[in-house]
Amino acid sequence: MPELPEVETVRRGLQPVMEGARFVRVEARRPDLRRPLPKDFVKRLEGRSVTGLGRRAKYLLADVSSGDVLLMHLGMSGSFRVAEDKGEKTPGDLHHPRSDDRTHDHIVFHMSSGARISFNDPRRFGLMLLVPRAELADHPLMKEIGPEPLGNEFDATLLAQACRGKKTSLKAALSDQKVVAGLGNIYVCEALHRARLSPRRMASTIASRTGAPNERAERLVDAIKAVLGDAIHAGGSSLRDHRRTDGELGYFQHHFRVYDREGAKCVTPGCKGTVRRIVQGGRSTFFCPVCQT
């Protein structure tokens, strides 16, 4: 499932053609994705403008001039393709080719910017809802999401307070969207390696009994911000389904330090360790048992 960097990459690709543009025509080629589309979905969008395009955790949020927010989630296999008069870009020879099966183009936005934006979702785990802006913060999908890791308010103190007294592993804590928004399996593994912290370490060990951050918390926050920034710069990670809006894949998978590198030599300078894979919470965790303690 796409994580924060992939969703932010998609947001940046959509912003130039959606923000400030009007929905000239909306095609809903089926009545549902993961959930049924909102009642009067097409009618509530056509003729309205997008006044802003943001992101919250792994959700895209398009503010509509009607006062609604178009809340979008890519699910497991969802992707947006932007076509303009100049045509569509396609992946290069080194990339997995994008599917040309347009039967999975379930939602199509025709924008006044001249762009045709197609949402393709073969598995239909994606999501599109319309929520009044005034009710967004209390919506069940939004109200328990934790702080944005790239926001100014996210620091060692905030993370330490969230982990204070937790009896779960650091891997489990960082994967909890209530603790920090937008992180998933890939970037938790990568951040823990950069911070030289074991994924099996108890989450509470980054805080004192009073919840004050220690040096581990400082390292971890710095690592989270760094790995997310690098991944966004690279356009995200493309493993199975993630595509940017121009059809290209992200490149960050070529810079993984531990994820999906079981048996490879640790890249930490001076470390003689080998990357291991274990299972935590039903998900693969990759780490170096030598330099991550």
Protein backbone atom coordinates (compact mmCIF):
# COMPACT_ATOMS: atom_id res chain seq x y z
CA MET A 1 0.00 0.00 0.00
CA PRO A 2 1.38 3.46 -0.85
CA GLU A 3 2.86 5.31 2.11
CA LEU A 4 3.29 9.02 2.77
CA PRO A 5 6.02 9.68 0.15
CA GLU A 6 4.06 7.98 -2.62
CA VAL A 7 0.87 9.87 -1.76
CA GLU A 8 2.74 13.17 -1.52
CA THR A 9 4.33 12.47 -4.92
CA VAL A 10 0.86 11.91 -6.39
CA ARG A 11 -0.41 15.12 -4.76
CA ARG A 12 2.40 17.13 -6.32
CA GLY A 13 1.66 15.61 -9.71
CA LEU A 14 -2.05 16.44 -9.50
CA GLN A 15 -1.70 19.92 -8.02
CA PRO A 16 -0.80 21.81 -11.24
CA VAL A 17 -3.80 20.44 -13.14
CA MET A 18 -6.38 20.29 -10.33
CA GLU A 19 -5.79 23.25 -8.04
CA GLY A 20 -7.71 26.26 -9.29
CA ALA A 21 -9.39 24.20 -12.03
CA ARG A 22 -13.07 23.35 -12.43
CA PHE A 23 -14.63 19.90 -12.82
CA VAL A 24 -16.06 20.26 -16.33
CA ARG A 25 -17.25 16.67 -16.48
CA VAL A 26 -17.00 13.77 -14.06
CA GLU A 27 -17.35 10.14 -15.13
CA ALA A 28 -18.20 7.60 -12.44
CA ARG A 29 -17.98 4.38 -14.42
CA ARG A 30 -19.06 2.23 -11.49
CA PRO A 31 -21.06 3.03 -8.34
CA ASP A 32 -18.42 1.97 -5.85
CA LEU A 33 -14.77 1.41 -5.01
CA ARG A 34 -13.99 0.05 -1.55
CA ARG A 35 -17.17 1.80 -0.47
CA PRO A 36 -20.11 3.09 -2.49
CA LEU A 37 -19.49 6.51 -4.01
CA PRO A 38 -21.33 9.32 -2.20
CA LYS A 39 -24.89 10.07 -3.22
CA ASP A 40 -24.97 12.53 -6.15
CA PHE A 41 -21.16 12.23 -6.45
CA VAL A 42 -21.04 13.52 -10.03
CA LYS A 43 -23.60 16.28 -9.47
CA ARG A 44 -21.77 17.58 -6.36
CA LEU A 45 -18.52 17.94 -8.30
CA GLU A 46 -19.43 19.07 -11.82
CA GLY A 47 -19.15 22.83 -12.21
CA ARG A 48 -17.25 23.21 -8.94
CA SER A 49 -13.62 24.26 -8.60
CA VAL A 50 -10.74 22.79 -6.60
CA THR A 51 -9.58 25.53 -4.26
CA GLY A 52 -6.75 23.53 -2.72
CA LEU A 53 -5.17 20.09 -2.86
CA GLY A 54 -3.61 18.77 0.33
CA ARG A 55 -2.62 15.55 2.02
CA ARG A 56 -3.31 14.11 5.47
CA ALA A 57 -1.37 10.94 6.26
CA LYS A 58 -2.07 8.64 3.29
CA TYR A 59 -5.16 10.55 2.12
CA LEU A 60 -5.46 13.17 -0.62
CA LEU A 61 -7.79 16.06 0.23
CA ALA A 62 -9.21 18.26 -2.51
CA ASP A 63 -11.10 21.30 -1.19
CA VAL A 64 -14.06 21.99 -3.46
CA SER A 65 -15.70 25.40 -3.89
CA SER A 66 -18.99 23.94 -2.62
CA GLY A 67 -17.49 23.53 0.86
CA ASP A 68 -17.02 19.79 0.47
CA VAL A 69 -13.69 18.01 0.63
CA LEU A 70 -13.04 15.24 -1.87
CA LEU A 71 -11.25 12.65 0.27
CA MET A 72 -9.27 10.14 -1.80
CA HIS A 73 -7.25 7.06 -0.86
CA LEU A 74 -5.23 4.98 -3.32
CA GLY A 75 -5.86 1.68 -1.56
CA MET A 76 -3.68 -1.24 -2.62
CA SER A 77 -3.53 -0.68 -6.38
CA GLY A 78 -5.01 2.73 -7.12
CA SER A 79 -3.18 5.29 -9.24
CA PHE A 80 -3.94 8.51 -11.06
CA ARG A 81 -2.97 9.14 -14.67
CA VAL A 82 -2.93 12.66 -16.05
CA ALA A 83 -3.43 13.09 -19.80
CA GLU A 84 -3.14 16.46 -21.52
CA ASP A 85 -2.93 17.62 -25.11
CA LYS A 86 0.74 16.65 -25.18
CA GLY A 87 -0.15 13.05 -24.36
CA GLU A 88 0.84 10.67 -21.58
CA LYS A 89 4.31 9.78 -20.46
CA THR A 90 5.12 6.09 -20.19
CA PRO A 91 7.66 4.21 -18.07
CA GLY A 92 11.16 3.70 -19.44
CA ASP A 93 12.78 0.36 -20.27
CA LEU A 94 14.00 -0.21 -16.73
CA HIS A 95 10.53 0.06 -15.21
CA HIS A 96 7.64 -2.35 -14.90
CA PRO A 97 5.18 -1.27 -17.60
CA ARG A 98 1.96 0.34 -16.46
CA SER A 99 -1.20 -1.57 -17.26
CA ASP A 100 -3.03 -0.32 -20.34
CA ASP A 101 -6.28 -1.95 -19.24
CA ARG A 102 -8.59 1.05 -19.19
CA THR A 103 -11.47 -1.08 -17.90
CA HIS A 104 -10.06 -0.26 -14.46
CA ASP A 105 -10.30 3.50 -15.04
CA HIS A 106 -13.23 3.79 -12.65
CA ILE A 107 -13.35 7.56 -12.10
CA VAL A 108 -12.38 10.18 -14.68
CA PHE A 109 -12.19 13.93 -14.02
CA HIS A 110 -12.24 16.28 -17.02
CA MET A 111 -10.78 19.54 -15.72
CA SER A 112 -10.99 23.08 -17.07
CA SER A 113 -7.17 23.04 -17.08
CA GLY A 114 -7.42 20.74 -20.09
CA ALA A 115 -6.34 17.68 -18.14
CA ARG A 116 -8.11 14.36 -18.05
CA ILE A 117 -7.42 12.68 -14.71
CA SER A 118 -8.18 8.96 -14.56
CA PHE A 119 -8.26 6.94 -11.37
CA ASN A 120 -7.29 3.36 -12.19
CA ASP A 121 -7.80 0.75 -9.48
CA PRO A 122 -7.78 -2.95 -10.49
CA ARG A 123 -8.38 -4.24 -6.95
CA ARG A 124 -10.89 -1.54 -6.04
CA PHE A 125 -9.51 -0.91 -2.54
CA GLY A 126 -9.36 2.80 -3.26
CA LEU A 127 -11.73 5.32 -1.77
CA MET A 128 -13.48 8.55 -2.76
CA LEU A 129 -15.75 10.37 -0.32
CA LEU A 130 -17.24 13.83 -0.11
CA VAL A 131 -17.11 15.30 3.39
CA PRO A 132 -18.17 18.81 4.43
CA ARG A 133 -15.02 20.73 5.36
CA ALA A 134 -16.50 21.67 8.74
CA GLU A 135 -16.93 17.98 9.58
CA LEU A 136 -13.61 16.70 8.26
CA ALA A 137 -11.64 16.77 11.53
CA ASP A 138 -14.26 14.61 13.24
CA HIS A 139 -14.68 12.15 10.38
CA PRO A 140 -13.91 8.56 11.49
CA LEU A 141 -11.06 8.30 8.98
CA MET A 142 -9.43 11.52 10.17
CA LYS A 143 -10.07 12.09 13.85
CA GLU A 144 -7.54 9.63 15.30
CA ILE A 145 -4.66 10.24 12.89
CA GLY A 146 -1.47 11.30 14.63
CA PRO A 147 0.90 14.17 13.79
CA GLU A 148 2.37 14.65 10.34
CA PRO A 149 6.02 13.54 10.51
CA LEU A 150 7.17 16.36 8.22
CA GLY A 151 5.26 19.02 10.15
CA ASN A 152 6.97 21.52 12.43
CA GLU A 153 5.13 20.19 15.47
CA PHE A 154 6.56 16.67 15.09
CA ASP A 155 9.66 16.46 17.26
CA ALA A 156 11.37 14.17 19.76
CA THR A 157 9.21 15.43 22.61
CA LEU A 158 5.98 14.62 20.77
CA LEU A 159 7.17 11.16 19.74
CA ALA A 160 8.49 10.35 23.22
CA GLN A 161 5.18 11.33 24.81
CA ALA A 162 3.32 9.08 22.35
CA CYS A 163 5.63 6.14 23.15
CA ARG A 164 5.77 6.68 26.90
CA GLY A 165 4.91 3.47 28.71
CA LYS A 166 4.11 1.57 25.51
CA LYS A 167 4.68 -2.16 25.78
CA THR A 168 4.89 -2.67 22.02
CA SER A 169 7.95 -2.71 19.79
CA LEU A 170 9.27 0.41 18.09
CA LYS A 171 8.25 -1.12 14.76
CA ALA A 172 4.65 -1.53 15.94
CA ALA A 173 4.52 1.93 17.51
CA LEU A 174 5.77 3.72 14.39
CA SER A 175 3.34 1.76 12.22
CA ASP A 176 0.43 2.97 14.36
CA GLN A 177 -1.24 5.88 12.54
CA LYS A 178 -2.29 7.30 15.92
CA VAL A 179 1.38 7.73 16.88
CA VAL A 180 2.62 9.22 13.62
CA ALA A 181 0.76 9.69 10.34
CA GLY A 182 1.62 8.15 7.01
CA LEU A 183 4.36 5.69 7.90
CA GLY A 184 4.14 2.10 6.76
CA ASN A 185 6.32 -0.97 6.61
CA ILE A 186 8.94 0.31 4.18
CA TYR A 187 9.75 3.64 5.77
CA VAL A 188 9.57 2.38 9.33
CA CYS A 189 12.24 -0.20 8.47
CA GLU A 190 14.37 2.40 6.71
CA ALA A 191 14.04 5.02 9.47
CA LEU A 192 14.93 2.56 12.21
CA HIS A 193 18.05 1.54 10.32
CA ARG A 194 19.14 5.15 9.90
CA ALA A 195 18.55 5.74 13.59
CA ARG A 196 20.47 2.54 14.46
CA LEU A 197 17.56 1.27 16.56
CA SER A 198 16.31 -2.30 16.60
CA PRO A 199 12.72 -2.80 15.41
CA ARG A 200 12.32 -5.19 18.38
CA ARG A 201 13.29 -2.56 20.94
CA MET A 202 10.45 -1.55 23.27
CA ALA A 203 8.89 1.74 22.20
CA SER A 204 8.98 3.04 25.75
CA THR A 205 12.79 3.06 25.72
CA ILE A 206 12.93 6.27 23.72
CA ALA A 207 11.34 8.17 26.65
CA SER A 208 11.93 8.64 30.34
CA ARG A 209 9.28 7.69 32.90
CA THR A 210 7.94 11.24 32.66
CA GLY A 211 7.82 11.09 28.87
CA ALA A 212 10.87 13.23 28.23
CA PRO A 213 12.76 12.31 25.04
CA ASN A 214 16.20 10.76 25.17
CA GLU A 215 18.93 10.62 22.57
CA ARG A 216 17.23 7.68 20.84
CA ALA A 217 14.09 9.74 20.29
CA GLU A 218 16.15 12.57 18.80
CA ARG A 219 17.90 10.19 16.39
CA LEU A 220 14.65 8.56 15.40
CA VAL A 221 12.81 11.79 14.59
CA ASP A 222 15.75 12.99 12.51
CA ALA A 223 15.83 9.66 10.67
CA ILE A 224 12.08 9.69 9.95
CA LYS A 225 12.21 13.20 8.51
CA ALA A 226 15.32 12.40 6.46
CA VAL A 227 14.06 9.17 4.94
CA LEU A 228 10.68 10.68 4.03
CA GLY A 229 12.34 13.72 2.49
CA ASP A 230 14.69 11.57 0.43
CA ALA A 231 11.84 9.31 -0.71
CA ILE A 232 9.66 12.24 -1.81
CA HIS A 233 12.61 13.70 -3.71
CA ALA A 234 13.00 10.34 -5.49
CA GLY A 235 9.30 10.17 -6.35
CA GLY A 236 8.46 7.45 -3.86
CA SER A 237 9.13 3.72 -3.99
CA SER A 238 7.73 1.50 -6.73
CA LEU A 239 7.37 -2.13 -5.77
CA ARG A 240 4.13 -3.37 -7.28
CA ASP A 241 1.48 -0.78 -7.87
CA HIS A 242 2.74 2.72 -7.15
CA ARG A 243 2.96 5.02 -10.16
CA ARG A 244 3.40 8.75 -10.32
CA THR A 245 0.74 10.73 -12.14
CA ASP A 246 2.85 10.83 -15.32
CA GLY A 247 2.95 7.03 -15.40
CA GLU A 248 6.56 6.81 -14.26
CA LEU A 249 7.65 4.82 -11.24
CA GLY A 250 9.43 6.25 -8.23
CA TYR A 251 13.10 5.56 -7.70
CA PHE A 252 13.58 5.32 -3.93
CA GLN A 253 13.52 1.51 -4.02
CA HIS A 254 17.01 1.75 -5.51
CA HIS A 255 18.16 3.45 -2.28
CA PHE A 256 16.76 1.02 0.28
CA ARG A 257 19.27 0.32 3.04
CA VAL A 258 17.51 -2.68 4.52
CA TYR A 259 14.02 -3.14 3.08
CA ASP A 260 13.83 -6.25 0.86
CA ARG A 261 17.62 -6.75 1.20
CA GLU A 262 17.66 -9.93 3.27
CA GLY A 263 21.13 -11.50 3.22
CA ALA A 264 22.83 -8.38 1.85
CA LYS A 265 25.71 -6.65 3.56
CA CYS A 266 24.72 -3.76 5.82
CA VAL A 267 25.51 -0.41 4.21
CA THR A 268 26.34 1.37 7.47
CA PRO A 269 30.02 2.40 7.23
CA GLY A 270 32.20 0.07 9.28
CA CYS A 271 29.38 -2.37 10.03
CA LYS A 272 30.05 -6.03 9.25
CA GLY A 273 26.44 -7.08 9.70
CA THR A 274 24.07 -8.76 7.28
CA VAL A 275 20.48 -7.68 6.76
CA ARG A 276 17.98 -10.02 8.38
CA ARG A 277 14.26 -10.51 7.86
CA ILE A 278 11.84 -11.27 10.69
CA VAL A 279 8.04 -11.13 10.88
CA GLN A 280 6.33 -8.65 13.19
CA GLY A 281 2.59 -8.23 13.26
CA GLY A 282 2.27 -10.35 10.14
CA ARG A 283 4.60 -8.06 8.15
CA SER A 284 8.21 -8.51 7.09
CA THR A 285 10.75 -6.44 8.99
CA PHE A 286 14.24 -5.92 7.60
CA PHE A 287 17.09 -4.76 9.83
CA CYS A 288 20.75 -5.18 10.71
CA PRO A 289 21.19 -7.08 13.99
CA VAL A 290 24.71 -5.66 14.41
CA CYS A 291 24.32 -1.88 14.18
CA GLN A 292 20.64 -1.65 15.17
CA THR A 293 20.41 -2.13 18.92
